[in-house]
């Protein structure tokens, strides 16, 4: 964060303008000298002193132009990093919810960290009955994007499933939707086939009441919950937070690390109710 504190756009712009003026002046001087001189006479001089002066001025112009280009590129990079936080709310009833979250996942280049809450129910039982096939397909695409990122684009994918005291994984998560259950099952199968796959799947004590996903630690998907008419907590929507300076996301990364450091261990087939010999 400190690297931005001393940054002054005005001073950088002023410096570039001064360099541009100096370069233009020197270029004009060189052009004037050459235009008023017989170049053959310059080469004919035994000591080449005049020609050396011209070369020196040309060299200075090139150095100044190169430095100006460097400063301009540096300014553009710093300006990009200083872009402010952008926050977009996506309602769960928005048909583009999963498409937008899938797009964010597909943009990952380094890591995807997900802390899943035990209290996130996206849809009530009644809503699940009325769930459109199109939206169900979009949810499957979202989970598939997570796997594709880890398997084919080298992105580190870690998911922690939080479990309240006195509860088991089966008590909490196997009731949350077929797509999530299938996703966890597929992750376990992939890990079973390739133990070096950059996918982590853990269970941990409940520390966060909402689910969030950190993408490259600078983009976050953060669920917003509500209490429905049945008195059950479910997801109302989510915030898509683009935070290039990590002013917000750094705190969620800290929470993720705290939970990760106190996890109960890796999730196994037994946790999801499947007897698998490899777990023994």
Protein backbone atom coordinates (compact mmCIF):
# COMPACT_ATOMS: atom_id res chain seq x y z
CA UNK A 1 0.00 0.00 0.00
CA UNK A 2 2.83 2.42 0.74
CA UNK A 3 4.03 2.31 -2.82
CA UNK A 4 1.04 4.46 -3.82
CA UNK A 5 1.25 7.02 -1.02
CA UNK A 6 4.02 9.09 -2.56
CA UNK A 7 2.56 8.88 -6.04
CA UNK A 8 1.79 12.25 -7.66
CA UNK A 9 0.08 12.23 -11.06
CA UNK A 10 0.69 15.98 -11.48
CA UNK A 11 4.46 15.73 -10.93
CA UNK A 12 4.74 12.83 -13.39
CA UNK A 13 2.75 14.67 -16.03
CA UNK A 14 4.80 17.86 -15.50
CA UNK A 15 8.05 15.89 -15.75
CA UNK A 16 6.95 14.28 -19.01
CA UNK A 17 5.99 17.66 -20.46
CA UNK A 18 9.37 19.19 -19.53
CA UNK A 19 11.23 16.26 -21.09
CA UNK A 20 9.11 16.55 -24.22
CA UNK A 21 9.91 20.28 -24.51
CA UNK A 22 13.64 19.70 -23.99
CA UNK A 23 13.64 16.94 -26.58
CA UNK A 24 11.77 19.11 -29.07
CA UNK A 25 14.17 22.02 -28.53
CA UNK A 26 17.27 19.85 -28.95
CA UNK A 27 15.77 18.26 -32.03
CA UNK A 28 15.15 21.69 -33.52
CA UNK A 29 18.72 22.77 -32.72
CA UNK A 30 20.17 19.71 -34.40
CA UNK A 31 17.92 20.21 -37.44
CA UNK A 32 18.93 23.87 -37.67
CA UNK A 33 22.64 23.07 -37.43
CA UNK A 34 22.46 20.45 -40.14
CA UNK A 35 20.28 22.55 -42.45
CA UNK A 36 22.75 25.47 -42.33
CA UNK A 37 25.81 23.32 -42.82
CA UNK A 38 27.30 21.43 -45.69
CA UNK A 39 27.33 17.85 -44.40
CA UNK A 40 30.17 16.94 -46.75
CA UNK A 41 32.26 19.70 -45.14
CA UNK A 42 31.53 18.23 -41.72
CA UNK A 43 32.83 14.82 -42.77
CA UNK A 44 35.82 16.43 -44.39
CA UNK A 45 37.06 17.93 -41.12
CA UNK A 46 40.00 16.05 -39.76
CA UNK A 47 38.97 16.10 -36.12
CA UNK A 48 35.22 15.51 -36.69
CA UNK A 49 34.55 17.84 -33.74
CA UNK A 50 31.55 19.43 -35.38
CA UNK A 51 30.07 16.10 -36.39
CA UNK A 52 30.66 14.71 -32.90
CA UNK A 53 28.68 17.57 -31.40
CA UNK A 54 25.76 16.78 -33.68
CA UNK A 55 25.93 13.10 -32.80
CA UNK A 56 26.02 13.94 -29.13
CA UNK A 57 22.92 16.11 -29.43
CA UNK A 58 21.11 13.40 -31.37
CA UNK A 59 22.09 10.89 -28.69
CA UNK A 60 20.72 13.18 -25.97
CA UNK A 61 17.45 13.49 -27.87
CA UNK A 62 17.13 9.71 -28.16
CA UNK A 63 17.87 9.24 -24.45
CA UNK A 64 15.26 11.82 -23.48
CA UNK A 65 12.68 10.27 -25.79
CA UNK A 66 13.37 6.80 -24.38
CA UNK A 67 13.09 8.08 -20.83
CA UNK A 68 9.86 9.88 -21.67
CA UNK A 69 8.35 6.68 -23.08
CA UNK A 70 9.45 4.79 -19.96
CA UNK A 71 7.88 7.37 -17.66
CA UNK A 72 4.67 7.34 -19.68
CA UNK A 73 4.38 3.55 -19.46
CA UNK A 74 5.17 3.67 -15.74
CA UNK A 75 2.47 6.29 -15.27
CA UNK A 76 -0.09 4.15 -17.11
CA UNK A 77 0.75 1.10 -14.97
CA UNK A 78 0.54 3.08 -11.72
CA UNK A 79 -2.72 4.68 -12.84
CA UNK A 80 -4.19 1.26 -13.54
CA UNK A 81 -3.30 0.08 -10.04
CA UNK A 82 -4.86 3.19 -8.52
CA UNK A 83 -8.25 2.49 -10.04
CA UNK A 84 -10.82 2.59 -7.27
CA UNK A 85 -12.99 -0.19 -5.94
CA UNK A 86 -15.93 -1.18 -8.12
CA UNK A 87 -18.89 -2.89 -6.43
CA UNK A 88 -21.82 -4.46 -8.29
CA UNK A 89 -24.81 -6.11 -6.61
CA UNK A 90 -26.28 -9.13 -8.42
CA UNK A 91 -29.74 -10.24 -7.29
CA UNK A 92 -30.34 -14.01 -7.07
CA UNK A 93 -33.39 -13.57 -9.27
CA UNK A 94 -31.23 -12.05 -11.97
CA UNK A 95 -30.89 -14.67 -14.68
CA UNK A 96 -27.30 -13.57 -15.24
CA UNK A 97 -26.18 -14.34 -11.67
CA UNK A 98 -24.34 -17.55 -12.49
CA UNK A 99 -23.18 -16.26 -15.86
CA UNK A 100 -21.58 -13.23 -14.21
CA UNK A 101 -19.95 -15.27 -11.47
CA UNK A 102 -18.74 -17.81 -14.04
CA UNK A 103 -17.17 -14.99 -16.03
CA UNK A 104 -15.33 -13.80 -12.91
CA UNK A 105 -14.07 -17.33 -12.22
CA UNK A 106 -12.87 -17.76 -15.80
CA UNK A 107 -10.80 -14.57 -15.47
CA UNK A 108 -8.72 -16.07 -12.63
CA UNK A 109 -5.01 -16.40 -13.34
CA UNK A 110 -3.52 -17.37 -9.96
CA UNK A 111 -5.92 -18.51 -7.27
CA UNK A 112 -9.54 -19.11 -6.29
CA UNK A 113 -10.28 -19.29 -2.57
CA UNK A 114 -13.82 -20.12 -1.41
CA UNK A 115 -15.08 -20.15 2.17
CA UNK A 116 -18.49 -21.85 2.16
CA UNK A 117 -20.94 -21.10 4.94
CA UNK A 118 -23.28 -23.69 6.41
CA UNK A 119 -26.14 -21.17 6.31
CA UNK A 120 -26.20 -20.31 2.63
CA UNK A 121 -29.30 -21.69 0.94
CA UNK A 122 -29.63 -20.10 -2.46
CA UNK A 123 -33.21 -21.23 -3.02
CA UNK A 124 -35.98 -22.35 -0.67
CA UNK A 125 -37.54 -25.79 -1.16
CA UNK A 126 -40.46 -24.23 -3.03
CA UNK A 127 -38.15 -22.23 -5.29
CA UNK A 128 -36.11 -25.33 -6.07
CA UNK A 129 -39.26 -27.02 -7.37
CA UNK A 130 -39.79 -24.12 -9.74
CA UNK A 131 -36.14 -23.79 -10.69
CA UNK A 132 -35.77 -23.32 -14.41
CA UNK A 133 -33.55 -25.75 -16.31
CA UNK A 134 -31.66 -22.83 -17.84
CA UNK A 135 -30.61 -21.48 -14.45
CA UNK A 136 -29.74 -24.99 -13.25
CA UNK A 137 -27.52 -25.36 -16.31
CA UNK A 138 -25.83 -22.02 -15.54
CA UNK A 139 -25.07 -23.20 -12.01
CA UNK A 140 -23.45 -26.35 -13.39
CA UNK A 141 -21.37 -24.19 -15.75
CA UNK A 142 -20.19 -22.17 -12.75
CA UNK A 143 -18.96 -25.26 -10.91
CA UNK A 144 -17.38 -26.58 -14.11
CA UNK A 145 -15.52 -23.28 -14.56
CA UNK A 146 -13.92 -23.81 -11.14
CA UNK A 147 -12.64 -27.25 -12.17
CA UNK A 148 -11.49 -26.07 -15.59
CA UNK A 149 -9.50 -23.23 -14.01
CA UNK A 150 -7.60 -25.67 -11.80
CA UNK A 151 -7.09 -28.45 -14.33
CA UNK A 152 -6.36 -26.57 -17.54
CA UNK A 153 -5.23 -23.08 -16.59
CA UNK A 154 -2.99 -23.78 -13.61
CA UNK A 155 -5.12 -21.84 -11.12
CA UNK A 156 -4.92 -22.90 -7.48
CA UNK A 157 -8.43 -23.77 -6.25
CA UNK A 158 -9.10 -24.16 -2.53
CA UNK A 159 -12.55 -24.58 -0.99
CA UNK A 160 -13.25 -24.73 2.75
CA UNK A 161 -16.63 -26.04 3.92
CA UNK A 162 -17.55 -24.62 7.34
CA UNK A 163 -19.36 -26.94 9.71
CA UNK A 164 -21.10 -25.81 12.95
CA UNK A 165 -20.18 -27.54 16.22
CA UNK A 166 -21.94 -30.85 16.71
CA UNK A 167 -22.77 -31.20 13.01
CA UNK A 168 -21.26 -33.37 10.28
CA UNK A 169 -20.71 -32.55 6.64
CA UNK A 170 -23.71 -34.71 5.72
CA UNK A 171 -25.92 -32.83 8.19
CA UNK A 172 -25.14 -29.51 6.54
CA UNK A 173 -24.12 -29.65 2.92
CA UNK A 174 -25.77 -32.67 1.34
CA UNK A 175 -29.09 -30.80 1.65
CA UNK A 176 -27.90 -27.70 -0.15
CA UNK A 177 -28.39 -28.74 -3.72
CA UNK A 178 -27.54 -31.50 -6.11
CA UNK A 179 -25.10 -29.40 -8.12
CA UNK A 180 -22.94 -28.56 -5.09
CA UNK A 181 -22.94 -32.20 -3.96
CA UNK A 182 -21.94 -33.35 -7.45
CA UNK A 183 -19.19 -30.73 -7.53
CA UNK A 184 -17.67 -31.88 -4.24
CA UNK A 185 -17.89 -35.50 -5.39
CA UNK A 186 -16.12 -34.66 -8.66
CA UNK A 187 -13.37 -32.79 -6.82
CA UNK A 188 -12.72 -35.81 -4.62
CA UNK A 189 -12.57 -38.10 -7.65
CA UNK A 190 -10.14 -35.80 -9.43
CA UNK A 191 -7.93 -35.61 -6.35
CA UNK A 192 -8.06 -39.40 -6.06
CA UNK A 193 -6.80 -39.78 -9.63
CA UNK A 194 -4.15 -37.07 -9.33
CA UNK A 195 -2.92 -36.22 -5.83
CA UNK A 196 -0.73 -33.43 -7.24
CA UNK A 197 -3.69 -31.58 -8.69
CA UNK A 198 -3.74 -28.01 -7.36
CA UNK A 199 -7.13 -28.40 -5.66
CA UNK A 200 -7.71 -28.24 -1.91
CA UNK A 201 -10.95 -29.33 -0.23
CA UNK A 202 -11.21 -28.93 3.55
CA UNK A 203 -13.71 -28.83 6.40
CA UNK A 204 -13.39 -26.30 9.21
CA UNK A 205 -15.25 -24.75 12.17
CA UNK A 206 -17.84 -22.10 11.33
CA UNK A 207 -16.36 -18.58 11.38
CA UNK A 208 -18.25 -16.77 8.62
CA UNK A 209 -22.04 -16.67 8.25
CA UNK A 210 -21.83 -15.96 4.52
CA UNK A 211 -19.94 -17.53 1.67
CA UNK A 212 -17.30 -15.60 -0.23
CA UNK A 213 -14.91 -16.37 -3.06
CA UNK A 214 -11.61 -14.59 -3.61
CA UNK A 215 -10.29 -14.54 -7.16
CA UNK A 216 -6.60 -13.68 -7.44
CA UNK A 217 -7.13 -11.96 -4.06
CA UNK A 218 -8.34 -8.84 -5.90
CA UNK A 219 -11.87 -9.79 -6.98
CA UNK A 220 -14.48 -11.08 -4.54
CA UNK A 221 -17.90 -12.70 -4.77
CA UNK A 222 -19.61 -12.07 -1.42
CA UNK A 223 -23.06 -13.45 -0.69
CA UNK A 224 -25.76 -11.38 1.02
CA UNK A 225 -28.30 -13.35 3.05
CA UNK A 226 -31.88 -12.78 4.19
CA UNK A 227 -34.45 -14.62 6.32
CA UNK A 228 -37.28 -16.01 4.21
CA UNK A 229 -40.93 -16.51 5.19
CA UNK A 230 -40.07 -19.93 6.62
CA UNK A 231 -37.53 -18.38 9.00
CA UNK A 232 -34.65 -19.94 7.10
CA UNK A 233 -31.54 -18.00 6.14
CA UNK A 234 -30.93 -17.98 2.41
CA UNK A 235 -28.96 -16.01 -0.12
CA UNK A 236 -30.53 -12.77 -1.38
CA UNK A 237 -27.80 -12.04 -3.91
CA UNK A 238 -24.12 -11.27 -3.97
CA UNK A 239 -21.68 -8.42 -4.30
CA UNK A 240 -19.12 -8.56 -7.07
CA UNK A 241 -16.22 -6.51 -5.70
CA UNK A 242 -13.33 -5.53 -7.96
CA UNK A 243 -10.57 -4.35 -5.67
CA UNK A 244 -7.22 -3.97 -7.52
CA UNK A 245 -5.51 -2.43 -4.47
CA UNK A 246 -6.91 -5.16 -2.19
CA UNK A 247 -8.21 -2.67 0.35
CA UNK A 248 -11.23 -4.86 1.14
CA UNK A 249 -10.17 -8.29 -0.05
CA UNK A 250 -7.08 -8.37 2.18
CA UNK A 251 -9.34 -8.64 5.25
CA UNK A 252 -11.25 -11.57 3.76
CA UNK A 253 -7.98 -13.23 2.80
CA UNK A 254 -6.92 -12.89 6.43
CA UNK A 255 -10.17 -14.55 7.57
CA UNK A 256 -9.71 -17.32 5.02
CA UNK A 257 -6.16 -17.95 6.27
CA UNK A 258 -7.34 -18.05 9.90
CA UNK A 259 -9.99 -20.65 9.10
CA UNK A 260 -7.57 -22.60 6.91
CA UNK A 261 -4.96 -22.74 9.67
CA UNK A 262 -7.53 -24.27 12.03
CA UNK A 263 -9.25 -26.67 9.66
CA UNK A 264 -10.42 -30.17 10.59
CA UNK A 265 -8.56 -31.74 7.69
CA UNK A 266 -9.40 -32.72 4.13
CA UNK A 267 -12.91 -33.76 3.13
CA UNK A 268 -13.10 -37.43 2.21
CA UNK A 269 -15.59 -39.68 0.44
CA UNK A 270 -16.72 -40.85 3.86
CA UNK A 271 -17.71 -37.29 4.77
CA UNK A 272 -20.13 -37.14 1.86
CA UNK A 273 -21.57 -40.56 2.65
CA UNK A 274 -19.63 -42.73 0.22
CA UNK A 275 -17.59 -45.73 1.35
CA UNK A 276 -14.44 -45.59 -0.70
CA UNK A 277 -11.49 -47.89 -0.06
CA UNK A 278 -8.96 -45.14 -0.80
CA UNK A 279 -10.15 -43.27 2.29
CA UNK A 280 -9.20 -46.12 4.55
